[in-house]
Amino acid sequence: MILDCHAHIFPEHVVDRAMEALSLRYQAQPVARATPEGLVRIMDRDGVDRAIAVAVATRPAQVPSINDWLLHLNQPRLIPFGALHPHYEDVP
């Protein structure tokens, strides 16, 4: 089994904006659209069986909604890895 242990994904409504910002900041060109579907396409192409899907919370208020989105991906080959923000105060 081949496992990608760190693959960033974003919800459809923010993916283009997020990818543009990350490309500008890190001068890196993405290899695919960083959505769950885009990740699975790349996994299929490269023979990856499963991936740990990492989402990013850039503000504390995003943590609950991002983690809820991750938990409801409905992509059996993606393993959700919860997002956290250093200033998020409602950690159980």
PDB file of N, CA and C in Angstrom:
ATOM      1  N   MET A   1       0.843  -1.183   0.000  1.00  0.00           N
ATOM      2  CA  MET A   1       0.000   0.000   0.000  1.00  0.00           C
ATOM      3  C   MET A   1       0.885   1.242   0.000  1.00  0.00           C
ATOM      4  N   ILE A   2       0.509   2.206  -0.808  1.00  0.00           N
ATOM      5  CA  ILE A   2       1.199   3.494  -0.838  1.00  0.00           C
ATOM      6  C   ILE A   2       0.290   4.527  -0.198  1.00  0.00           C
ATOM      7  N   LEU A   3       0.826   5.217   0.820  1.00  0.00           N
ATOM      8  CA  LEU A   3       0.090   6.225   1.571  1.00  0.00           C
ATOM      9  C   LEU A   3       0.794   7.567   1.431  1.00  0.00           C
ATOM     10  N   ASP A   4       0.065   8.570   0.950  1.00  0.00           N
ATOM     11  CA  ASP A   4       0.566   9.949   0.955  1.00  0.00           C
ATOM     12  C   ASP A   4       0.228  10.507   2.324  1.00  0.00           C
ATOM     13  N   CYS A   5       1.236  10.864   3.088  1.00  0.00           N
ATOM     14  CA  CYS A   5       0.992  11.237   4.488  1.00  0.00           C
ATOM     15  C   CYS A   5       0.723  12.724   4.698  1.00  0.00           C
ATOM     16  N   HIS A   6       0.641  13.525   3.626  1.00  0.00           N
ATOM     17  CA  HIS A   6       0.413  14.955   3.825  1.00  0.00           C
ATOM     18  C   HIS A   6      -0.034  15.583   2.512  1.00  0.00           C
ATOM     19  N   ALA A   7      -1.338  15.658   2.303  1.00  0.00           N
ATOM     20  CA  ALA A   7      -1.880  16.245   1.076  1.00  0.00           C
ATOM     21  C   ALA A   7      -2.918  17.297   1.436  1.00  0.00           C
ATOM     22  N   HIS A   8      -2.650  18.545   1.070  1.00  0.00           N
ATOM     23  CA  HIS A   8      -3.586  19.633   1.383  1.00  0.00           C
ATOM     24  C   HIS A   8      -4.759  19.636   0.414  1.00  0.00           C
ATOM     25  N   ILE A   9      -5.941  19.846   0.967  1.00  0.00           N
ATOM     26  CA  ILE A   9      -7.151  19.999   0.155  1.00  0.00           C
ATOM     27  C   ILE A   9      -7.955  21.176   0.701  1.00  0.00           C
ATOM     28  N   PHE A  10      -8.823  21.700  -0.159  1.00  0.00           N
ATOM     29  CA  PHE A  10      -9.656  22.844   0.206  1.00  0.00           C
ATOM     30  C   PHE A  10     -11.076  22.613  -0.307  1.00  0.00           C
ATOM     31  N   PRO A  11     -12.064  23.220   0.347  1.00  0.00           N
ATOM     32  CA  PRO A  11     -13.435  23.168  -0.176  1.00  0.00           C
ATOM     33  C   PRO A  11     -13.514  23.883  -1.523  1.00  0.00           C
ATOM     34  N   GLU A  12     -14.446  23.452  -2.330  1.00  0.00           N
ATOM     35  CA  GLU A  12     -14.612  23.992  -3.679  1.00  0.00           C
ATOM     36  C   GLU A  12     -14.740  25.521  -3.693  1.00  0.00           C
ATOM     37  N   HIS A  13     -15.464  26.084  -2.729  1.00  0.00           N
ATOM     38  CA  HIS A  13     -15.731  27.531  -2.764  1.00  0.00           C
ATOM     39  C   HIS A  13     -14.509  28.393  -2.422  1.00  0.00           C
ATOM     40  N   VAL A  14     -13.407  27.798  -1.943  1.00  0.00           N
ATOM     41  CA  VAL A  14     -12.210  28.589  -1.640  1.00  0.00           C
ATOM     42  C   VAL A  14     -10.956  28.089  -2.340  1.00  0.00           C
ATOM     43  N   VAL A  15     -11.040  26.961  -3.047  1.00  0.00           N
ATOM     44  CA  VAL A  15      -9.832  26.326  -3.575  1.00  0.00           C
ATOM     45  C   VAL A  15      -9.036  27.223  -4.518  1.00  0.00           C
ATOM     46  N   ASP A  16      -9.679  27.910  -5.422  1.00  0.00           N
ATOM     47  CA  ASP A  16      -8.939  28.732  -6.381  1.00  0.00           C
ATOM     48  C   ASP A  16      -8.206  29.872  -5.691  1.00  0.00           C
ATOM     49  N   ARG A  17      -8.884  30.532  -4.782  1.00  0.00           N
ATOM     50  CA  ARG A  17      -8.274  31.638  -4.038  1.00  0.00           C
ATOM     51  C   ARG A  17      -7.122  31.127  -3.173  1.00  0.00           C
ATOM     52  N   ALA A  18      -7.319  30.005  -2.505  1.00  0.00           N
ATOM     53  CA  ALA A  18      -6.276  29.442  -1.638  1.00  0.00           C
ATOM     54  C   ALA A  18      -5.058  29.012  -2.441  1.00  0.00           C
ATOM     55  N   MET A  19      -5.281  28.355  -3.561  1.00  0.00           N
ATOM     56  CA  MET A  19      -4.160  27.891  -4.372  1.00  0.00           C
ATOM     57  C   MET A  19      -3.371  29.061  -4.956  1.00  0.00           C
ATOM     58  N   GLU A  20      -4.063  30.113  -5.354  1.00  0.00           N
ATOM     59  CA  GLU A  20      -3.370  31.295  -5.873  1.00  0.00           C
ATOM     60  C   GLU A  20      -2.511  31.934  -4.784  1.00  0.00           C
ATOM     61  N   ALA A  21      -3.067  32.081  -3.590  1.00  0.00           N
ATOM     62  CA  ALA A  21      -2.319  32.685  -2.485  1.00  0.00           C
ATOM     63  C   ALA A  21      -1.095  31.847  -2.122  1.00  0.00           C
ATOM     64  N   LEU A  22      -1.250  30.543  -2.066  1.00  0.00           N
ATOM     65  CA  LEU A  22      -0.122  29.671  -1.734  1.00  0.00           C
ATOM     66  C   LEU A  22       0.930  29.672  -2.836  1.00  0.00           C
ATOM     67  N   SER A  23       0.493  29.714  -4.082  1.00  0.00           N
ATOM     68  CA  SER A  23       1.443  29.764  -5.199  1.00  0.00           C
ATOM     69  C   SER A  23       2.275  31.039  -5.160  1.00  0.00           C
ATOM     70  N   LEU A  24       1.621  32.154  -4.868  1.00  0.00           N
ATOM     71  CA  LEU A  24       2.346  33.422  -4.779  1.00  0.00           C
ATOM     72  C   LEU A  24       3.306  33.432  -3.591  1.00  0.00           C
ATOM     73  N   ARG A  25       2.845  32.935  -2.464  1.00  0.00           N
ATOM     74  CA  ARG A  25       3.672  32.970  -1.256  1.00  0.00           C
ATOM     75  C   ARG A  25       4.901  32.065  -1.353  1.00  0.00           C
ATOM     76  N   TYR A  26       4.727  30.878  -1.929  1.00  0.00           N
ATOM     77  CA  TYR A  26       5.810  29.900  -1.942  1.00  0.00           C
ATOM     78  C   TYR A  26       6.447  29.709  -3.318  1.00  0.00           C
ATOM     79  N   GLN A  27       6.024  30.478  -4.314  1.00  0.00           N
ATOM     80  CA  GLN A  27       6.536  30.370  -5.675  1.00  0.00           C
ATOM     81  C   GLN A  27       6.546  28.908  -6.145  1.00  0.00           C
ATOM     82  N   ALA A  28       5.462  28.210  -5.886  1.00  0.00           N
ATOM     83  CA  ALA A  28       5.326  26.812  -6.297  1.00  0.00           C
ATOM     84  C   ALA A  28       4.068  26.661  -7.139  1.00  0.00           C
ATOM     85  N   GLN A  29       4.160  25.863  -8.158  1.00  0.00           N
ATOM     86  CA  GLN A  29       3.015  25.604  -9.012  1.00  0.00           C
ATOM     87  C   GLN A  29       2.359  24.293  -8.598  1.00  0.00           C
ATOM     88  N   PRO A  30       1.074  24.309  -8.296  1.00  0.00           N
ATOM     89  CA  PRO A  30       0.392  23.071  -7.915  1.00  0.00           C
ATOM     90  C   PRO A  30       0.348  22.091  -9.086  1.00  0.00           C
ATOM     91  N   VAL A  31       0.329  20.808  -8.759  1.00  0.00           N
ATOM     92  CA  VAL A  31       0.264  19.772  -9.796  1.00  0.00           C
ATOM     93  C   VAL A  31      -1.175  19.412 -10.147  1.00  0.00           C
ATOM     94  N   ALA A  32      -2.105  19.841  -9.315  1.00  0.00           N
ATOM     95  CA  ALA A  32      -3.519  19.554  -9.556  1.00  0.00           C
ATOM     96  C   ALA A  32      -4.353  20.535  -8.753  1.00  0.00           C
ATOM     97  N   ARG A  33      -5.623  20.570  -9.039  1.00  0.00           N
ATOM     98  CA  ARG A  33      -6.554  21.384  -8.264  1.00  0.00           C
ATOM     99  C   ARG A  33      -6.736  20.716  -6.906  1.00  0.00           C
ATOM    100  N   ALA A  34      -6.509  21.444  -5.830  1.00  0.00           N
ATOM    101  CA  ALA A  34      -6.447  20.875  -4.476  1.00  0.00           C
ATOM    102  C   ALA A  34      -7.825  20.680  -3.845  1.00  0.00           C
ATOM    103  N   THR A  35      -8.673  19.951  -4.547  1.00  0.00           N
ATOM    104  CA  THR A  35      -9.969  19.539  -4.015  1.00  0.00           C
ATOM    105  C   THR A  35      -9.875  18.045  -3.717  1.00  0.00           C
ATOM    106  N   PRO A  36     -10.820  17.492  -2.973  1.00  0.00           N
ATOM    107  CA  PRO A  36     -10.793  16.042  -2.767  1.00  0.00           C
ATOM    108  C   PRO A  36     -10.777  15.270  -4.092  1.00  0.00           C
ATOM    109  N   GLU A  37     -11.580  15.700  -5.041  1.00  0.00           N
ATOM    110  CA  GLU A  37     -11.631  15.019  -6.334  1.00  0.00           C
ATOM    111  C   GLU A  37     -10.318  15.157  -7.090  1.00  0.00           C
ATOM    112  N   GLY A  38      -9.719  16.340  -7.034  1.00  0.00           N
ATOM    113  CA  GLY A  38      -8.424  16.547  -7.685  1.00  0.00           C
ATOM    114  C   GLY A  38      -7.344  15.680  -7.072  1.00  0.00           C
ATOM    115  N   LEU A  39      -7.358  15.559  -5.761  1.00  0.00           N
ATOM    116  CA  LEU A  39      -6.376  14.708  -5.078  1.00  0.00           C
ATOM    117  C   LEU A  39      -6.548  13.255  -5.488  1.00  0.00           C
ATOM    118  N   VAL A  40      -7.776  12.770  -5.521  1.00  0.00           N
ATOM    119  CA  VAL A  40      -8.017  11.372  -5.891  1.00  0.00           C
ATOM    120  C   VAL A  40      -7.555  11.115  -7.335  1.00  0.00           C
ATOM    121  N   ARG A  41      -7.759  12.081  -8.237  1.00  0.00           N
ATOM    122  CA  ARG A  41      -7.283  11.917  -9.624  1.00  0.00           C
ATOM    123  C   ARG A  41      -5.761  11.753  -9.665  1.00  0.00           C
ATOM    124  N   ILE A  42      -5.055  12.566  -8.900  1.00  0.00           N
ATOM    125  CA  ILE A  42      -3.590  12.467  -8.854  1.00  0.00           C
ATOM    126  C   ILE A  42      -3.172  11.151  -8.214  1.00  0.00           C
ATOM    127  N   MET A  43      -3.891  10.729  -7.181  1.00  0.00           N
ATOM    128  CA  MET A  43      -3.598   9.444  -6.548  1.00  0.00           C
ATOM    129  C   MET A  43      -3.757   8.308  -7.553  1.00  0.00           C
ATOM    130  N   ASP A  44      -4.829   8.341  -8.329  1.00  0.00           N
ATOM    131  CA  ASP A  44      -5.049   7.318  -9.353  1.00  0.00           C
ATOM    132  C   ASP A  44      -3.910   7.322 -10.369  1.00  0.00           C
ATOM    133  N   ARG A  45      -3.539   8.498 -10.805  1.00  0.00           N
ATOM    134  CA  ARG A  45      -2.470   8.624 -11.797  1.00  0.00           C
ATOM    135  C   ARG A  45      -1.151   8.056 -11.294  1.00  0.00           C
ATOM    136  N   ASP A  46      -0.856   8.308  -9.999  1.00  0.00           N
ATOM    137  CA  ASP A  46       0.445   7.954  -9.444  1.00  0.00           C
ATOM    138  C   ASP A  46       0.457   6.662  -8.637  1.00  0.00           C
ATOM    139  N   GLY A  47      -0.665   5.959  -8.596  1.00  0.00           N
ATOM    140  CA  GLY A  47      -0.702   4.683  -7.891  1.00  0.00           C
ATOM    141  C   GLY A  47      -0.708   4.785  -6.381  1.00  0.00           C
ATOM    142  N   VAL A  48      -1.251   5.866  -5.856  1.00  0.00           N
ATOM    143  CA  VAL A  48      -1.352   6.056  -4.404  1.00  0.00           C
ATOM    144  C   VAL A  48      -2.685   5.481  -3.937  1.00  0.00           C
ATOM    145  N   ASP A  49      -2.625   4.644  -2.902  1.00  0.00           N
ATOM    146  CA  ASP A  49      -3.831   3.984  -2.418  1.00  0.00           C
ATOM    147  C   ASP A  49      -4.679   4.867  -1.514  1.00  0.00           C
ATOM    148  N   ARG A  50      -4.018   5.549  -0.576  1.00  0.00           N
ATOM    149  CA  ARG A  50      -4.747   6.394   0.382  1.00  0.00           C
ATOM    150  C   ARG A  50      -3.908   7.635   0.652  1.00  0.00           C
ATOM    151  N   ALA A  51      -4.574   8.680   1.156  1.00  0.00           N
ATOM    152  CA  ALA A  51      -3.871   9.924   1.492  1.00  0.00           C
ATOM    153  C   ALA A  51      -4.460  10.511   2.759  1.00  0.00           C
ATOM    154  N   ILE A  52      -3.589  11.091   3.550  1.00  0.00           N
ATOM    155  CA  ILE A  52      -4.036  11.847   4.715  1.00  0.00           C
ATOM    156  C   ILE A  52      -4.336  13.260   4.224  1.00  0.00           C
ATOM    157  N   ALA A  53      -5.611  13.629   4.298  1.00  0.00           N
ATOM    158  CA  ALA A  53      -6.091  14.899   3.765  1.00  0.00           C
ATOM    159  C   ALA A  53      -6.004  15.973   4.840  1.00  0.00           C
ATOM    160  N   VAL A  54      -5.198  16.986   4.573  1.00  0.00           N
ATOM    161  CA  VAL A  54      -4.939  18.053   5.529  1.00  0.00           C
ATOM    162  C   VAL A  54      -5.591  19.342   5.032  1.00  0.00           C
ATOM    163  N   ALA A  55      -6.452  19.919   5.855  1.00  0.00           N
ATOM    164  CA  ALA A  55      -7.045  21.221   5.535  1.00  0.00           C
ATOM    165  C   ALA A  55      -6.362  22.283   6.398  1.00  0.00           C
ATOM    166  N   VAL A  56      -6.513  23.526   6.005  1.00  0.00           N
ATOM    167  CA  VAL A  56      -5.814  24.623   6.680  1.00  0.00           C
ATOM    168  C   VAL A  56      -6.832  25.598   7.264  1.00  0.00           C
ATOM    169  N   ALA A  57      -6.647  25.941   8.530  1.00  0.00           N
ATOM    170  CA  ALA A  57      -7.440  26.998   9.169  1.00  0.00           C
ATOM    171  C   ALA A  57      -6.541  28.223   9.305  1.00  0.00           C
ATOM    172  N   THR A  58      -6.847  29.273   8.564  1.00  0.00           N
ATOM    173  CA  THR A  58      -6.042  30.491   8.645  1.00  0.00           C
ATOM    174  C   THR A  58      -6.558  31.458   9.702  1.00  0.00           C
ATOM    175  N   ARG A  59      -7.772  31.179  10.210  1.00  0.00           N
ATOM    176  CA  ARG A  59      -8.360  31.971  11.294  1.00  0.00           C
ATOM    177  C   ARG A  59      -8.986  31.013  12.297  1.00  0.00           C
ATOM    178  N   PRO A  60      -8.986  31.360  13.583  1.00  0.00           N
ATOM    179  CA  PRO A  60      -9.574  30.472  14.587  1.00  0.00           C
ATOM    180  C   PRO A  60     -11.030  30.106  14.295  1.00  0.00           C
ATOM    181  N   ALA A  61     -11.791  31.040  13.785  1.00  0.00           N
ATOM    182  CA  ALA A  61     -13.217  30.793  13.543  1.00  0.00           C
ATOM    183  C   ALA A  61     -13.459  29.719  12.480  1.00  0.00           C
ATOM    184  N   GLN A  62     -12.467  29.417  11.663  1.00  0.00           N
ATOM    185  CA  GLN A  62     -12.626  28.425  10.599  1.00  0.00           C
ATOM    186  C   GLN A  62     -12.531  26.987  11.104  1.00  0.00           C
ATOM    187  N   VAL A  63     -11.962  26.765  12.262  1.00  0.00           N
ATOM    188  CA  VAL A  63     -11.678  25.410  12.742  1.00  0.00           C
ATOM    189  C   VAL A  63     -12.907  24.496  12.739  1.00  0.00           C
ATOM    190  N   PRO A  64     -14.034  24.884  13.362  1.00  0.00           N
ATOM    191  CA  PRO A  64     -15.178  23.960  13.372  1.00  0.00           C
ATOM    192  C   PRO A  64     -15.709  23.606  11.989  1.00  0.00           C
ATOM    193  N   SER A  65     -15.865  24.600  11.122  1.00  0.00           N
ATOM    194  CA  SER A  65     -16.443  24.309   9.803  1.00  0.00           C
ATOM    195  C   SER A  65     -15.493  23.492   8.930  1.00  0.00           C
ATOM    196  N   ILE A  66     -14.213  23.762   9.010  1.00  0.00           N
ATOM    197  CA  ILE A  66     -13.246  22.985   8.226  1.00  0.00           C
ATOM    198  C   ILE A  66     -13.231  21.541   8.687  1.00  0.00           C
ATOM    199  N   ASN A  67     -13.212  21.324   9.990  1.00  0.00           N
ATOM    200  CA  ASN A  67     -13.188  19.953  10.489  1.00  0.00           C
ATOM    201  C   ASN A  67     -14.488  19.214  10.178  1.00  0.00           C
ATOM    202  N   ASP A  68     -15.607  19.916  10.224  1.00  0.00           N
ATOM    203  CA  ASP A  68     -16.872  19.297   9.845  1.00  0.00           C
ATOM    204  C   ASP A  68     -16.839  18.902   8.365  1.00  0.00           C
ATOM    205  N   TRP A  69     -16.321  19.769   7.521  1.00  0.00           N
ATOM    206  CA  TRP A  69     -16.192  19.473   6.099  1.00  0.00           C
ATOM    207  C   TRP A  69     -15.308  18.239   5.885  1.00  0.00           C
ATOM    208  N   LEU A  70     -14.174  18.196   6.568  1.00  0.00           N
ATOM    209  CA  LEU A  70     -13.276  17.043   6.441  1.00  0.00           C
ATOM    210  C   LEU A  70     -13.961  15.735   6.834  1.00  0.00           C
ATOM    211  N   LEU A  71     -14.720  15.771   7.910  1.00  0.00           N
ATOM    212  CA  LEU A  71     -15.365  14.553   8.398  1.00  0.00           C
ATOM    213  C   LEU A  71     -16.478  14.055   7.481  1.00  0.00           C
ATOM    214  N   HIS A  72     -16.966  14.918   6.611  1.00  0.00           N
ATOM    215  CA  HIS A  72     -18.058  14.536   5.715  1.00  0.00           C
ATOM    216  C   HIS A  72     -17.628  14.495   4.244  1.00  0.00           C
ATOM    217  N   LEU A  73     -16.373  14.223   3.989  1.00  0.00           N
ATOM    218  CA  LEU A  73     -15.859  14.217   2.618  1.00  0.00           C
ATOM    219  C   LEU A  73     -16.479  13.139   1.735  1.00  0.00           C
ATOM    220  N   ASN A  74     -16.785  11.984   2.298  1.00  0.00           N
ATOM    221  CA  ASN A  74     -17.322  10.870   1.527  1.00  0.00           C
ATOM    222  C   ASN A  74     -16.345  10.410   0.449  1.00  0.00           C
ATOM    223  N   GLN A  75     -15.073  10.383   0.800  1.00  0.00           N
ATOM    224  CA  GLN A  75     -14.008   9.876  -0.058  1.00  0.00           C
ATOM    225  C   GLN A  75     -13.283   8.802   0.737  1.00  0.00           C
ATOM    226  N   PRO A  76     -13.602   7.529   0.536  1.00  0.00           N
ATOM    227  CA  PRO A  76     -13.049   6.472   1.371  1.00  0.00           C
ATOM    228  C   PRO A  76     -11.529   6.348   1.325  1.00  0.00           C
ATOM    229  N   ARG A  77     -10.879   6.862   0.286  1.00  0.00           N
ATOM    230  CA  ARG A  77      -9.425   6.767   0.197  1.00  0.00           C
ATOM    231  C   ARG A  77      -8.713   7.912   0.905  1.00  0.00           C
ATOM    232  N   LEU A  78      -9.480   8.906   1.389  1.00  0.00           N
ATOM    233  CA  LEU A  78      -8.886  10.046   2.092  1.00  0.00           C
ATOM    234  C   LEU A  78      -9.104   9.904   3.590  1.00  0.00           C
ATOM    235  N   ILE A  79      -8.040  10.077   4.332  1.00  0.00           N
ATOM    236  CA  ILE A  79      -8.080  10.012   5.793  1.00  0.00           C
ATOM    237  C   ILE A  79      -8.040  11.452   6.304  1.00  0.00           C
ATOM    238  N   PRO A  80      -9.120  11.947   6.917  1.00  0.00           N
ATOM    239  CA  PRO A  80      -9.134  13.345   7.365  1.00  0.00           C
ATOM    240  C   PRO A  80      -8.158  13.584   8.513  1.00  0.00           C
ATOM    241  N   PHE A  81      -7.436  14.681   8.420  1.00  0.00           N
ATOM    242  CA  PHE A  81      -6.531  15.123   9.483  1.00  0.00           C
ATOM    243  C   PHE A  81      -7.028  16.489   9.923  1.00  0.00           C
ATOM    244  N   GLY A  82      -7.548  16.572  11.122  1.00  0.00           N
ATOM    245  CA  GLY A  82      -8.209  17.783  11.604  1.00  0.00           C
ATOM    246  C   GLY A  82      -7.338  19.023  11.586  1.00  0.00           C
ATOM    247  N   ALA A  83      -7.982  20.135  11.289  1.00  0.00           N
ATOM    248  CA  ALA A  83      -7.315  21.434  11.289  1.00  0.00           C
ATOM    249  C   ALA A  83      -7.401  22.049  12.682  1.00  0.00           C
ATOM    250  N   LEU A  84      -6.394  22.794  13.030  1.00  0.00           N
ATOM    251  CA  LEU A  84      -6.384  23.538  14.285  1.00  0.00           C
ATOM    252  C   LEU A  84      -5.662  24.848  14.024  1.00  0.00           C
ATOM    253  N   HIS A  85      -5.969  25.840  14.786  1.00  0.00           N
ATOM    254  CA  HIS A  85      -5.318  27.144  14.672  1.00  0.00           C
ATOM    255  C   HIS A  85      -4.736  27.471  16.036  1.00  0.00           C
ATOM    256  N   PRO A  86      -3.547  28.061  16.101  1.00  0.00           N
ATOM    257  CA  PRO A  86      -2.919  28.321  17.405  1.00  0.00           C
ATOM    258  C   PRO A  86      -3.719  29.227  18.337  1.00  0.00           C
ATOM    259  N   HIS A  87      -4.633  30.020  17.786  1.00  0.00           N
ATOM    260  CA  HIS A  87      -5.424  30.924  18.615  1.00  0.00           C
ATOM    261  C   HIS A  87      -6.858  30.425  18.828  1.00  0.00           C
ATOM    262  N   TYR A  88      -7.135  29.213  18.404  1.00  0.00           N
ATOM    263  CA  TYR A  88      -8.456  28.628  18.633  1.00  0.00           C
ATOM    264  C   TYR A  88      -8.578  28.255  20.100  1.00  0.00           C
ATOM    265  N   GLU A  89      -9.609  28.743  20.771  1.00  0.00           N
ATOM    266  CA  GLU A  89      -9.702  28.590  22.223  1.00  0.00           C
ATOM    267  C   GLU A  89     -10.629  27.462  22.683  1.00  0.00           C
ATOM    268  N   ASP A  90     -11.386  26.864  21.797  1.00  0.00           N
ATOM    269  CA  ASP A  90     -12.376  25.882  22.196  1.00  0.00           C
ATOM    270  C   ASP A  90     -11.903  24.437  21.998  1.00  0.00           C
ATOM    271  N   VAL A  91     -10.648  24.185  22.331  1.00  0.00           N
ATOM    272  CA  VAL A  91     -10.103  22.839  22.208  1.00  0.00           C
ATOM    273  C   VAL A  91     -10.589  22.008  23.399  1.00  0.00           C
ATOM    274  N   PRO A  92     -11.219  20.836  23.108  1.00  0.00           N
ATOM    275  CA  PRO A  92     -11.736  20.034  24.227  1.00  0.00           C
ATOM    276  C   PRO A  92     -10.621  19.444  25.085  1.00  0.00           C
TER     277      PRO A  92
END
